[in-house]
Protein backbone atom coordinates (compact mmCIF):
# COMPACT_ATOMS: atom_id res chain seq x y z
CA MET A 1 86.61 127.70 145.14
CA PHE A 2 86.83 131.48 145.29
CA GLY A 3 89.44 131.53 148.03
CA ILE A 4 87.12 132.87 150.77
CA SER A 5 88.43 132.15 154.25
CA PHE A 6 86.38 131.69 157.45
CA SER A 7 87.19 135.21 158.67
CA GLU A 8 85.81 136.71 155.46
CA LEU A 9 82.60 134.64 155.79
CA LEU A 10 82.20 135.83 159.38
CA LEU A 11 82.60 139.45 158.26
CA VAL A 12 79.94 139.01 155.52
CA GLY A 13 77.57 137.44 158.09
CA LEU A 14 78.00 140.36 160.52
CA VAL A 15 77.35 142.91 157.75
CA ALA A 16 74.23 140.99 156.69
CA LEU A 17 73.00 140.87 160.32
CA LEU A 18 73.43 144.61 160.65
CA VAL A 19 71.83 145.43 157.30
CA LEU A 20 68.93 142.95 157.35
CA GLY A 21 68.32 142.67 161.06
CA PRO A 22 67.65 139.58 163.13
CA GLU A 23 64.06 139.06 161.76
CA ARG A 24 64.90 138.84 158.05
CA LEU A 25 68.35 137.21 158.29
CA PRO A 26 67.14 133.55 158.48
CA GLY A 27 64.85 134.02 155.42
CA ALA A 28 67.64 135.75 153.50
CA ALA A 29 70.11 132.96 154.38
CA ARG A 30 67.57 130.33 153.20
CA THR A 31 67.00 132.21 149.91
CA ALA A 32 70.76 132.63 149.40
CA GLY A 33 71.26 128.89 150.01
CA LEU A 34 68.57 128.03 147.43
CA TRP A 35 70.16 130.33 144.86
CA VAL A 36 73.61 128.85 145.49
CA GLY A 37 72.18 125.32 145.07
CA ARG A 38 70.49 126.29 141.80
CA LEU A 39 73.73 127.83 140.52
CA LYS A 40 75.68 124.67 141.41
CA ARG A 41 73.12 122.44 139.66
CA SER A 42 73.15 124.71 136.61
CA PHE A 43 76.94 124.67 136.45
CA ASN A 44 76.99 120.88 136.87
CA ALA A 45 74.37 120.46 134.10
CA ILE A 46 76.36 122.71 131.78
CA LYS A 47 79.55 120.84 132.67
CA GLN A 48 77.93 117.45 131.91
CA GLU A 49 76.51 118.78 128.63
CA VAL A 50 79.93 120.03 127.57
CA GLU A 51 81.51 116.69 128.53
CA ARG A 52 78.84 114.86 126.50
CA GLU A 53 79.50 117.13 123.54
CA ILE A 54 83.23 116.59 123.84
CA GLY A 55 82.63 112.83 124.01
CA ALA A 56 80.31 113.06 121.01
CA ASP A 57 82.92 115.06 119.13
CA GLU A 58 85.53 112.42 119.91
CA ILE A 59 83.19 109.68 118.73
CA ARG A 60 82.43 111.65 115.56
CA ARG A 61 86.15 112.17 115.01
CA GLN A 62 86.82 108.44 115.46
CA LEU A 63 84.01 107.51 113.08
CA HIS A 64 85.28 110.04 110.57
CA ASN A 65 88.81 108.62 110.86
CA GLU A 66 87.49 105.06 110.43
CA HIS A 67 85.52 106.18 107.39
CA ILE A 68 88.62 107.80 105.89
CA LEU A 69 90.65 104.66 106.57
CA SER A 70 88.06 102.45 104.87
CA LEU A 71 88.00 104.79 101.85
CA GLU A 72 91.78 104.71 101.74
CA GLN A 73 91.79 100.89 101.79
CA GLU A 74 89.23 100.77 98.98
CA ALA A 75 91.33 103.20 96.96
CA ARG A 76 94.41 101.05 97.49
CA LYS A 77 92.48 97.99 96.28
CA ILE A 78 91.37 99.86 93.18
CA PHE A 79 94.71 101.43 92.30
CA THR A 80 96.91 98.46 93.21
CA PRO A 81 97.26 96.16 90.18
CA THR A 82 96.01 92.79 91.31
CA GLN A 83 95.98 91.32 87.82
CA GLN A 84 99.15 89.35 87.07
CA GLU A 85 100.89 89.84 83.78
CA PRO A 86 100.39 86.86 81.42
CA THR A 87 103.46 84.71 80.95
CA PRO A 88 104.89 84.72 77.42
CA VAL A 89 104.55 81.56 75.35
CA GLU A 90 107.78 79.65 74.94
CA PRO A 91 108.90 79.22 71.32
CA VAL A 92 108.95 75.70 69.97
CA ALA A 93 112.30 74.08 69.24
CA THR A 94 113.67 74.85 65.81
CA PRO A 95 113.93 71.64 63.74
CA THR A 96 116.87 71.21 61.42
CA ILE A 97 116.07 70.08 57.90
CA HIS A 98 118.90 68.47 55.95
CA ALA A 99 119.11 68.58 52.22
CA PRO A 100 119.51 65.35 50.29
CA ALA A 101 122.96 63.83 50.43
CA ALA A 102 123.56 64.29 46.74
CA THR A 103 124.11 68.00 47.10
CA GLU A 104 126.64 69.57 49.35
CA SER A 105 124.65 72.44 50.80
CA ALA A 106 124.53 73.80 54.28
CA PRO A 107 121.70 72.63 56.55
CA VAL A 108 118.60 74.74 56.34
CA THR A 109 116.78 75.69 59.50
CA ALA A 110 113.08 76.40 59.67
CA SER A 111 111.96 78.79 62.30
CA VAL A 112 108.65 78.75 64.13
CA GLU A 113 107.27 82.03 65.46
CA PRO A 114 105.76 81.92 68.97
CA ALA A 115 102.02 82.45 69.21
CA PRO A 116 101.09 85.99 70.20
CA VAL A 117 100.07 86.50 73.81
CA VAL A 118 96.56 87.85 74.14
CA ALA A 119 95.70 89.46 77.48
CA ALA A 120 92.21 89.86 78.84
CA PRO A 121 90.79 93.35 78.26
CA SER A 122 91.41 95.64 81.15
CA THR A 123 90.21 99.09 82.11
CA GLU A 124 93.55 99.99 83.65
CA PRO A 125 96.24 101.66 81.52
CA VAL A 126 98.90 99.17 80.48
CA ALA A 127 102.54 100.07 80.07
CA PRO A 128 104.15 98.87 76.82
CA ALA A 129 105.48 95.36 77.29
CA ALA A 130 109.13 94.58 76.73
CA ALA A 131 110.08 92.00 74.12
CA PRO A 132 110.09 88.49 75.59
CA VAL A 133 113.53 87.09 76.21
CA ALA A 134 114.15 83.50 75.23
CA PRO A 135 115.02 81.40 78.28
CA ALA A 136 118.34 79.68 78.57
CA PRO A 137 118.24 75.99 77.51
CA GLN A 138 119.75 74.89 80.86
CA ASP A 139 117.03 76.54 82.97
CA PRO A 140 115.90 73.81 85.44
CA THR A 141 112.64 75.60 86.24
CA LEU A 142 111.28 75.06 82.73
CA PRO A 143 109.69 71.81 81.53
CA PRO A 144 111.83 69.63 79.29
CA ARG A 145 111.73 70.44 75.58
CA ALA A 146 110.57 68.04 72.94
CA PRO A 147 113.40 66.49 70.85
């Protein structure tokens, strides 16, 4: 861990034997071993605590991201128009009214205005609608017209 080789440990042991003497060396070695064990346990406890905190931070980050995603989805639901535009009412066929045969006048046509389209009230802002375009008489998707 610290890069101490066997020769360096042997040198430290010899210095300790000379300084402490043979009577106190075993007690000093025992005390040093206890202190080293306590330091290792302390470092391991700190390491585990940091790993737990990092894991808790990751979990908090994931929960925060999930919360943001759910808020984003709710916002999309609110701001996305889900209400369909009402379809315009088709105008009724224009009947031709002929004048009596005694007079030679041009045929008169009566026109029928389509009923106005009323949409349900909405809280969303509505863009101005374009004028409805009359469908082509040959459109096969429309129901047949009355004669």
